[in-house]
Amino acid sequence: MNGLEGWARQAALPSQEEIERMRMLIARIRDAMGDLAPEERADLQALLSAERTSRSAILERLPERHELNVLNVGATFDGVAG
């Protein structure tokens, strides 16, 4: 975020409340994943992997000026970035 005005940088950052809500949501998702049967969990992981692969392929083809318009989240439910 180099080169941004202070107010723009501050406006772009999530509030502490938003961060906490996301952490709680991630914890709920992890708990729900833990409740799945192993074959259901494997199916979901395969779907998530396919989605990440598709998003990566799209990002590789986008002109640089459009990259910020595409959400690029690669976290997995085990806390490791994918």
PDB file of N, CA and C in Angstrom:
ATOM      1  N   MET A   1       0.823  -1.194   0.000  1.00  0.00           N
ATOM      2  CA  MET A   1       0.000   0.000   0.000  1.00  0.00           C
ATOM      3  C   MET A   1       0.862   1.251   0.000  1.00  0.00           C
ATOM      4  N   ASN A   2       2.026   1.165  -0.529  1.00  0.00           N
ATOM      5  CA  ASN A   2       2.890   2.336  -0.606  1.00  0.00           C
ATOM      6  C   ASN A   2       2.275   3.380  -1.512  1.00  0.00           C
ATOM      7  N   GLY A   3       2.490   4.633  -1.184  1.00  0.00           N
ATOM      8  CA  GLY A   3       2.013   5.715  -2.021  1.00  0.00           C
ATOM      9  C   GLY A   3       0.582   6.140  -1.754  1.00  0.00           C
ATOM     10  N   LEU A   4      -0.097   5.500  -0.828  1.00  0.00           N
ATOM     11  CA  LEU A   4      -1.467   5.887  -0.508  1.00  0.00           C
ATOM     12  C   LEU A   4      -1.463   6.999   0.522  1.00  0.00           C
ATOM     13  N   GLU A   5      -2.431   7.864   0.409  1.00  0.00           N
ATOM     14  CA  GLU A   5      -2.635   8.879   1.431  1.00  0.00           C
ATOM     15  C   GLU A   5      -3.031   8.175   2.729  1.00  0.00           C
ATOM     16  N   GLY A   6      -2.723   8.784   3.847  1.00  0.00           N
ATOM     17  CA  GLY A   6      -3.035   8.182   5.137  1.00  0.00           C
ATOM     18  C   GLY A   6      -4.498   7.824   5.305  1.00  0.00           C
ATOM     19  N   TRP A   7      -5.396   8.721   4.883  1.00  0.00           N
ATOM     20  CA  TRP A   7      -6.831   8.457   5.023  1.00  0.00           C
ATOM     21  C   TRP A   7      -7.264   7.270   4.165  1.00  0.00           C
ATOM     22  N   ALA A   8      -6.661   7.126   2.978  1.00  0.00           N
ATOM     23  CA  ALA A   8      -7.023   6.015   2.089  1.00  0.00           C
ATOM     24  C   ALA A   8      -6.538   4.697   2.672  1.00  0.00           C
ATOM     25  N   ARG A   9      -5.341   4.713   3.221  1.00  0.00           N
ATOM     26  CA  ARG A   9      -4.797   3.503   3.839  1.00  0.00           C
ATOM     27  C   ARG A   9      -5.676   3.090   5.012  1.00  0.00           C
ATOM     28  N   GLN A  10      -6.069   4.061   5.830  1.00  0.00           N
ATOM     29  CA  GLN A  10      -6.911   3.767   6.999  1.00  0.00           C
ATOM     30  C   GLN A  10      -8.275   3.242   6.565  1.00  0.00           C
ATOM     31  N   ALA A  11      -8.858   3.823   5.522  1.00  0.00           N
ATOM     32  CA  ALA A  11     -10.170   3.391   5.043  1.00  0.00           C
ATOM     33  C   ALA A  11     -10.109   1.985   4.447  1.00  0.00           C
ATOM     34  N   ALA A  12      -8.956   1.592   3.928  1.00  0.00           N
ATOM     35  CA  ALA A  12      -8.820   0.283   3.297  1.00  0.00           C
ATOM     36  C   ALA A  12      -8.643  -0.838   4.315  1.00  0.00           C
ATOM     37  N   LEU A  13      -8.214  -0.511   5.505  1.00  0.00           N
ATOM     38  CA  LEU A  13      -7.988  -1.528   6.532  1.00  0.00           C
ATOM     39  C   LEU A  13      -9.292  -1.904   7.225  1.00  0.00           C
ATOM     40  N   PRO A  14      -9.483  -3.192   7.492  1.00  0.00           N
ATOM     41  CA  PRO A  14     -10.690  -3.606   8.214  1.00  0.00           C
ATOM     42  C   PRO A  14     -10.601  -3.169   9.679  1.00  0.00           C
ATOM     43  N   SER A  15     -11.774  -2.947  10.267  1.00  0.00           N
ATOM     44  CA  SER A  15     -11.809  -2.595  11.686  1.00  0.00           C
ATOM     45  C   SER A  15     -11.507  -3.839  12.519  1.00  0.00           C
ATOM     46  N   GLN A  16     -11.175  -3.622  13.773  1.00  0.00           N
ATOM     47  CA  GLN A  16     -10.920  -4.740  14.676  1.00  0.00           C
ATOM     48  C   GLN A  16     -12.163  -5.615  14.813  1.00  0.00           C
ATOM     49  N   GLU A  17     -13.334  -4.977  14.796  1.00  0.00           N
ATOM     50  CA  GLU A  17     -14.592  -5.732  14.875  1.00  0.00           C
ATOM     51  C   GLU A  17     -14.758  -6.632  13.648  1.00  0.00           C
ATOM     52  N   GLU A  18     -14.441  -6.118  12.468  1.00  0.00           N
ATOM     53  CA  GLU A  18     -14.539  -6.936  11.248  1.00  0.00           C
ATOM     54  C   GLU A  18     -13.554  -8.097  11.287  1.00  0.00           C
ATOM     55  N   ILE A  19     -12.367  -7.847  11.789  1.00  0.00           N
ATOM     56  CA  ILE A  19     -11.359  -8.906  11.903  1.00  0.00           C
ATOM     57  C   ILE A  19     -11.850  -9.993  12.848  1.00  0.00           C
ATOM     58  N   GLU A  20     -12.403  -9.606  13.971  1.00  0.00           N
ATOM     59  CA  GLU A  20     -12.910 -10.578  14.942  1.00  0.00           C
ATOM     60  C   GLU A  20     -14.069 -11.388  14.371  1.00  0.00           C
ATOM     61  N   ARG A  21     -14.968 -10.721  13.634  1.00  0.00           N
ATOM     62  CA  ARG A  21     -16.084 -11.451  13.014  1.00  0.00           C
ATOM     63  C   ARG A  21     -15.565 -12.488  12.029  1.00  0.00           C
ATOM     64  N   MET A  22     -14.550 -12.136  11.256  1.00  0.00           N
ATOM     65  CA  MET A  22     -13.976 -13.089  10.307  1.00  0.00           C
ATOM     66  C   MET A  22     -13.312 -14.248  11.034  1.00  0.00           C
ATOM     67  N   ARG A  23     -12.613 -13.965  12.119  1.00  0.00           N
ATOM     68  CA  ARG A  23     -11.980 -15.032  12.896  1.00  0.00           C
ATOM     69  C   ARG A  23     -13.024 -15.991  13.459  1.00  0.00           C
ATOM     70  N   MET A  24     -14.138 -15.443  13.935  1.00  0.00           N
ATOM     71  CA  MET A  24     -15.205 -16.287  14.465  1.00  0.00           C
ATOM     72  C   MET A  24     -15.821 -17.127  13.347  1.00  0.00           C
ATOM     73  N   LEU A  25     -16.013 -16.537  12.176  1.00  0.00           N
ATOM     74  CA  LEU A  25     -16.560 -17.277  11.042  1.00  0.00           C
ATOM     75  C   LEU A  25     -15.623 -18.403  10.624  1.00  0.00           C
ATOM     76  N   ILE A  26     -14.336 -18.126  10.564  1.00  0.00           N
ATOM     77  CA  ILE A  26     -13.353 -19.157  10.211  1.00  0.00           C
ATOM     78  C   ILE A  26     -13.384 -20.286  11.238  1.00  0.00           C
ATOM     79  N   ALA A  27     -13.479 -19.942  12.504  1.00  0.00           N
ATOM     80  CA  ALA A  27     -13.538 -20.973  13.557  1.00  0.00           C
ATOM     81  C   ALA A  27     -14.792 -21.825  13.395  1.00  0.00           C
ATOM     82  N   ARG A  28     -15.931 -21.196  13.078  1.00  0.00           N
ATOM     83  CA  ARG A  28     -17.170 -21.963  12.878  1.00  0.00           C
ATOM     84  C   ARG A  28     -17.039 -22.898  11.687  1.00  0.00           C
ATOM     85  N   ILE A  29     -16.416 -22.423  10.618  1.00  0.00           N
ATOM     86  CA  ILE A  29     -16.235 -23.257   9.427  1.00  0.00           C
ATOM     87  C   ILE A  29     -15.314 -24.428   9.742  1.00  0.00           C
ATOM     88  N   ARG A  30     -14.232 -24.171  10.448  1.00  0.00           N
ATOM     89  CA  ARG A  30     -13.317 -25.257  10.828  1.00  0.00           C
ATOM     90  C   ARG A  30     -14.027 -26.295  11.677  1.00  0.00           C
ATOM     91  N   ASP A  31     -14.855 -25.835  12.624  1.00  0.00           N
ATOM     92  CA  ASP A  31     -15.615 -26.768  13.460  1.00  0.00           C
ATOM     93  C   ASP A  31     -16.565 -27.606  12.600  1.00  0.00           C
ATOM     94  N   ALA A  32     -17.251 -26.943  11.663  1.00  0.00           N
ATOM     95  CA  ALA A  32     -18.178 -27.666  10.791  1.00  0.00           C
ATOM     96  C   ALA A  32     -17.429 -28.666   9.921  1.00  0.00           C
ATOM     97  N   MET A  33     -16.247 -28.293   9.452  1.00  0.00           N
ATOM     98  CA  MET A  33     -15.440 -29.216   8.646  1.00  0.00           C
ATOM     99  C   MET A  33     -15.056 -30.440   9.474  1.00  0.00           C
ATOM    100  N   GLY A  34     -14.757 -30.220  10.744  1.00  0.00           N
ATOM    101  CA  GLY A  34     -14.385 -31.328  11.610  1.00  0.00           C
ATOM    102  C   GLY A  34     -15.524 -32.294  11.854  1.00  0.00           C
ATOM    103  N   ASP A  35     -16.765 -31.822  11.706  1.00  0.00           N
ATOM    104  CA  ASP A  35     -17.938 -32.670  11.907  1.00  0.00           C
ATOM    105  C   ASP A  35     -18.289 -33.509  10.679  1.00  0.00           C
ATOM    106  N   LEU A  36     -17.674 -33.207   9.541  1.00  0.00           N
ATOM    107  CA  LEU A  36     -17.982 -33.942   8.318  1.00  0.00           C
ATOM    108  C   LEU A  36     -17.348 -35.334   8.332  1.00  0.00           C
ATOM    109  N   ALA A  37     -17.999 -36.231   7.641  1.00  0.00           N
ATOM    110  CA  ALA A  37     -17.414 -37.563   7.442  1.00  0.00           C
ATOM    111  C   ALA A  37     -16.168 -37.398   6.565  1.00  0.00           C
ATOM    112  N   PRO A  38     -15.185 -38.286   6.710  1.00  0.00           N
ATOM    113  CA  PRO A  38     -13.943 -38.142   5.935  1.00  0.00           C
ATOM    114  C   PRO A  38     -14.164 -38.013   4.429  1.00  0.00           C
ATOM    115  N   GLU A  39     -15.117 -38.772   3.868  1.00  0.00           N
ATOM    116  CA  GLU A  39     -15.343 -38.679   2.420  1.00  0.00           C
ATOM    117  C   GLU A  39     -15.988 -37.346   2.035  1.00  0.00           C
ATOM    118  N   GLU A  40     -16.846 -36.797   2.918  1.00  0.00           N
ATOM    119  CA  GLU A  40     -17.437 -35.481   2.654  1.00  0.00           C
ATOM    120  C   GLU A  40     -16.365 -34.388   2.721  1.00  0.00           C
ATOM    121  N   ARG A  41     -15.479 -34.497   3.702  1.00  0.00           N
ATOM    122  CA  ARG A  41     -14.390 -33.533   3.841  1.00  0.00           C
ATOM    123  C   ARG A  41     -13.475 -33.581   2.613  1.00  0.00           C
ATOM    124  N   ALA A  42     -13.176 -34.793   2.134  1.00  0.00           N
ATOM    125  CA  ALA A  42     -12.325 -34.939   0.950  1.00  0.00           C
ATOM    126  C   ALA A  42     -13.002 -34.339  -0.276  1.00  0.00           C
ATOM    127  N   ASP A  43     -14.315 -34.543  -0.420  1.00  0.00           N
ATOM    128  CA  ASP A  43     -15.050 -33.947  -1.538  1.00  0.00           C
ATOM    129  C   ASP A  43     -14.992 -32.427  -1.489  1.00  0.00           C
ATOM    130  N   LEU A  44     -15.198 -31.872  -0.314  1.00  0.00           N
ATOM    131  CA  LEU A  44     -15.158 -30.421  -0.160  1.00  0.00           C
ATOM    132  C   LEU A  44     -13.763 -29.872  -0.454  1.00  0.00           C
ATOM    133  N   GLN A  45     -12.738 -30.543   0.049  1.00  0.00           N
ATOM    134  CA  GLN A  45     -11.364 -30.105  -0.228  1.00  0.00           C
ATOM    135  C   GLN A  45     -11.066 -30.151  -1.727  1.00  0.00           C
ATOM    136  N   ALA A  46     -11.577 -31.172  -2.424  1.00  0.00           N
ATOM    137  CA  ALA A  46     -11.373 -31.263  -3.873  1.00  0.00           C
ATOM    138  C   ALA A  46     -12.067 -30.109  -4.589  1.00  0.00           C
ATOM    139  N   LEU A  47     -13.276 -29.759  -4.150  1.00  0.00           N
ATOM    140  CA  LEU A  47     -13.986 -28.625  -4.747  1.00  0.00           C
ATOM    141  C   LEU A  47     -13.242 -27.316  -4.508  1.00  0.00           C
ATOM    142  N   LEU A  48     -12.758 -27.125  -3.300  1.00  0.00           N
ATOM    143  CA  LEU A  48     -12.013 -25.904  -2.985  1.00  0.00           C
ATOM    144  C   LEU A  48     -10.727 -25.816  -3.795  1.00  0.00           C
ATOM    145  N   SER A  49     -10.068 -26.934  -3.970  1.00  0.00           N
ATOM    146  CA  SER A  49      -8.845 -26.963  -4.765  1.00  0.00           C
ATOM    147  C   SER A  49      -9.137 -26.602  -6.218  1.00  0.00           C
ATOM    148  N   ALA A  50     -10.217 -27.147  -6.762  1.00  0.00           N
ATOM    149  CA  ALA A  50     -10.594 -26.835  -8.144  1.00  0.00           C
ATOM    150  C   ALA A  50     -10.931 -25.356  -8.289  1.00  0.00           C
ATOM    151  N   GLU A  51     -11.595 -24.789  -7.296  1.00  0.00           N
ATOM    152  CA  GLU A  51     -11.946 -23.369  -7.337  1.00  0.00           C
ATOM    153  C   GLU A  51     -10.691 -22.506  -7.306  1.00  0.00           C
ATOM    154  N   ARG A  52      -9.738 -22.850  -6.441  1.00  0.00           N
ATOM    155  CA  ARG A  52      -8.482 -22.081  -6.374  1.00  0.00           C
ATOM    156  C   ARG A  52      -7.720 -22.169  -7.688  1.00  0.00           C
ATOM    157  N   THR A  53      -7.700 -23.355  -8.296  1.00  0.00           N
ATOM    158  CA  THR A  53      -7.014 -23.538  -9.570  1.00  0.00           C
ATOM    159  C   THR A  53      -7.676 -22.687 -10.653  1.00  0.00           C
ATOM    160  N   SER A  54      -8.997 -22.676 -10.689  1.00  0.00           N
ATOM    161  CA  SER A  54      -9.721 -21.874 -11.681  1.00  0.00           C
ATOM    162  C   SER A  54      -9.453 -20.391 -11.481  1.00  0.00           C
ATOM    163  N   ARG A  55      -9.485 -19.934 -10.228  1.00  0.00           N
ATOM    164  CA  ARG A  55      -9.242 -18.516  -9.942  1.00  0.00           C
ATOM    165  C   ARG A  55      -7.823 -18.132 -10.337  1.00  0.00           C
ATOM    166  N   SER A  56      -6.862 -19.005 -10.067  1.00  0.00           N
ATOM    167  CA  SER A  56      -5.475 -18.722 -10.446  1.00  0.00           C
ATOM    168  C   SER A  56      -5.334 -18.589 -11.956  1.00  0.00           C
ATOM    169  N   ALA A  57      -6.020 -19.455 -12.699  1.00  0.00           N
ATOM    170  CA  ALA A  57      -5.962 -19.396 -14.160  1.00  0.00           C
ATOM    171  C   ALA A  57      -6.547 -18.079 -14.669  1.00  0.00           C
ATOM    172  N   ILE A  58      -7.616 -17.625 -14.049  1.00  0.00           N
ATOM    173  CA  ILE A  58      -8.225 -16.352 -14.441  1.00  0.00           C
ATOM    174  C   ILE A  58      -7.267 -15.207 -14.141  1.00  0.00           C
ATOM    175  N   LEU A  59      -6.680 -15.210 -12.947  1.00  0.00           N
ATOM    176  CA  LEU A  59      -5.768 -14.125 -12.564  1.00  0.00           C
ATOM    177  C   LEU A  59      -4.557 -14.047 -13.483  1.00  0.00           C
ATOM    178  N   GLU A  60      -4.089 -15.192 -13.960  1.00  0.00           N
ATOM    179  CA  GLU A  60      -2.935 -15.191 -14.861  1.00  0.00           C
ATOM    180  C   GLU A  60      -3.253 -14.518 -16.184  1.00  0.00           C
ATOM    181  N   ARG A  61      -4.496 -14.517 -16.583  1.00  0.00           N
ATOM    182  CA  ARG A  61      -4.890 -13.958 -17.877  1.00  0.00           C
ATOM    183  C   ARG A  61      -5.373 -12.514 -17.795  1.00  0.00           C
ATOM    184  N   LEU A  62      -5.614 -12.012 -16.596  1.00  0.00           N
ATOM    185  CA  LEU A  62      -6.126 -10.653 -16.443  1.00  0.00           C
ATOM    186  C   LEU A  62      -5.050  -9.614 -16.676  1.00  0.00           C
ATOM    187  N   PRO A  63      -5.409  -8.528 -17.347  1.00  0.00           N
ATOM    188  CA  PRO A  63      -4.464  -7.404 -17.401  1.00  0.00           C
ATOM    189  C   PRO A  63      -4.239  -6.885 -15.987  1.00  0.00           C
ATOM    190  N   GLU A  64      -3.075  -6.376 -15.729  1.00  0.00           N
ATOM    191  CA  GLU A  64      -2.711  -5.938 -14.377  1.00  0.00           C
ATOM    192  C   GLU A  64      -3.699  -4.931 -13.804  1.00  0.00           C
ATOM    193  N   ARG A  65      -4.251  -4.077 -14.619  1.00  0.00           N
ATOM    194  CA  ARG A  65      -5.158  -3.033 -14.109  1.00  0.00           C
ATOM    195  C   ARG A  65      -6.439  -3.600 -13.508  1.00  0.00           C
ATOM    196  N   HIS A  66      -6.776  -4.850 -13.811  1.00  0.00           N
ATOM    197  CA  HIS A  66      -8.004  -5.457 -13.295  1.00  0.00           C
ATOM    198  C   HIS A  66      -7.760  -6.400 -12.126  1.00  0.00           C
ATOM    199  N   GLU A  67      -6.522  -6.647 -11.769  1.00  0.00           N
ATOM    200  CA  GLU A  67      -6.224  -7.634 -10.731  1.00  0.00           C
ATOM    201  C   GLU A  67      -6.879  -7.325  -9.391  1.00  0.00           C
ATOM    202  N   LEU A  68      -6.957  -6.062  -9.019  1.00  0.00           N
ATOM    203  CA  LEU A  68      -7.526  -5.711  -7.720  1.00  0.00           C
ATOM    204  C   LEU A  68      -9.037  -5.901  -7.673  1.00  0.00           C
ATOM    205  N   ASN A  69      -9.659  -6.117  -8.816  1.00  0.00           N
ATOM    206  CA  ASN A  69     -11.103  -6.319  -8.849  1.00  0.00           C
ATOM    207  C   ASN A  69     -11.499  -7.770  -8.624  1.00  0.00           C
ATOM    208  N   VAL A  70     -10.534  -8.666  -8.535  1.00  0.00           N
ATOM    209  CA  VAL A  70     -10.805 -10.093  -8.356  1.00  0.00           C
ATOM    210  C   VAL A  70     -10.311 -10.508  -6.986  1.00  0.00           C
ATOM    211  N   LEU A  71     -11.197 -11.066  -6.201  1.00  0.00           N
ATOM    212  CA  LEU A  71     -10.832 -11.536  -4.872  1.00  0.00           C
ATOM    213  C   LEU A  71      -9.909 -12.728  -4.998  1.00  0.00           C
ATOM    214  N   ASN A  72      -8.753 -12.660  -4.368  1.00  0.00           N
ATOM    215  CA  ASN A  72      -7.779 -13.750  -4.456  1.00  0.00           C
ATOM    216  C   ASN A  72      -7.481 -14.254  -3.058  1.00  0.00           C
ATOM    217  N   VAL A  73      -8.334 -15.129  -2.577  1.00  0.00           N
ATOM    218  CA  VAL A  73      -8.175 -15.690  -1.238  1.00  0.00           C
ATOM    219  C   VAL A  73      -7.754 -17.135  -1.398  1.00  0.00           C
ATOM    220  N   GLY A  74      -6.637 -17.486  -0.776  1.00  0.00           N
ATOM    221  CA  GLY A  74      -6.141 -18.832  -0.955  1.00  0.00           C
ATOM    222  C   GLY A  74      -6.019 -19.606   0.334  1.00  0.00           C
ATOM    223  N   ALA A  75      -6.661 -19.185   1.394  1.00  0.00           N
ATOM    224  CA  ALA A  75      -6.540 -19.899   2.662  1.00  0.00           C
ATOM    225  C   ALA A  75      -7.349 -21.175   2.632  1.00  0.00           C
ATOM    226  N   THR A  76      -6.835 -22.182   3.280  1.00  0.00           N
ATOM    227  CA  THR A  76      -7.558 -23.441   3.435  1.00  0.00           C
ATOM    228  C   THR A  76      -8.066 -23.518   4.871  1.00  0.00           C
ATOM    229  N   PHE A  77      -8.848 -24.524   5.150  1.00  0.00           N
ATOM    230  CA  PHE A  77      -9.427 -24.622   6.496  1.00  0.00           C
ATOM    231  C   PHE A  77      -8.452 -25.147   7.533  1.00  0.00           C
ATOM    232  N   ASP A  78      -7.278 -25.571   7.102  1.00  0.00           N
ATOM    233  CA  ASP A  78      -6.299 -26.006   8.085  1.00  0.00           C
ATOM    234  C   ASP A  78      -5.354 -24.866   8.462  1.00  0.00           C
ATOM    235  N   GLY A  79      -5.649 -23.639   7.974  1.00  0.00           N
ATOM    236  CA  GLY A  79      -4.863 -22.468   8.327  1.00  0.00           C
ATOM    237  C   GLY A  79      -3.645 -22.257   7.444  1.00  0.00           C
ATOM    238  N   VAL A  80      -3.459 -23.094   6.427  1.00  0.00           N
ATOM    239  CA  VAL A  80      -2.319 -22.966   5.530  1.00  0.00           C
ATOM    240  C   VAL A  80      -2.795 -22.319   4.236  1.00  0.00           C
ATOM    241  N   ALA A  81      -2.070 -21.308   3.782  1.00  0.00           N
ATOM    242  CA  ALA A  81      -2.451 -20.644   2.539  1.00  0.00           C
ATOM    243  C   ALA A  81      -2.289 -21.628   1.382  1.00  0.00           C
ATOM    244  N   GLY A  82      -3.270 -21.610   0.491  1.00  0.00           N
ATOM    245  CA  GLY A  82      -3.260 -22.544  -0.634  1.00  0.00           C
ATOM    246  C   GLY A  82      -2.890 -21.908  -1.933  1.00  0.00           C
TER     247      GLY A  82
END
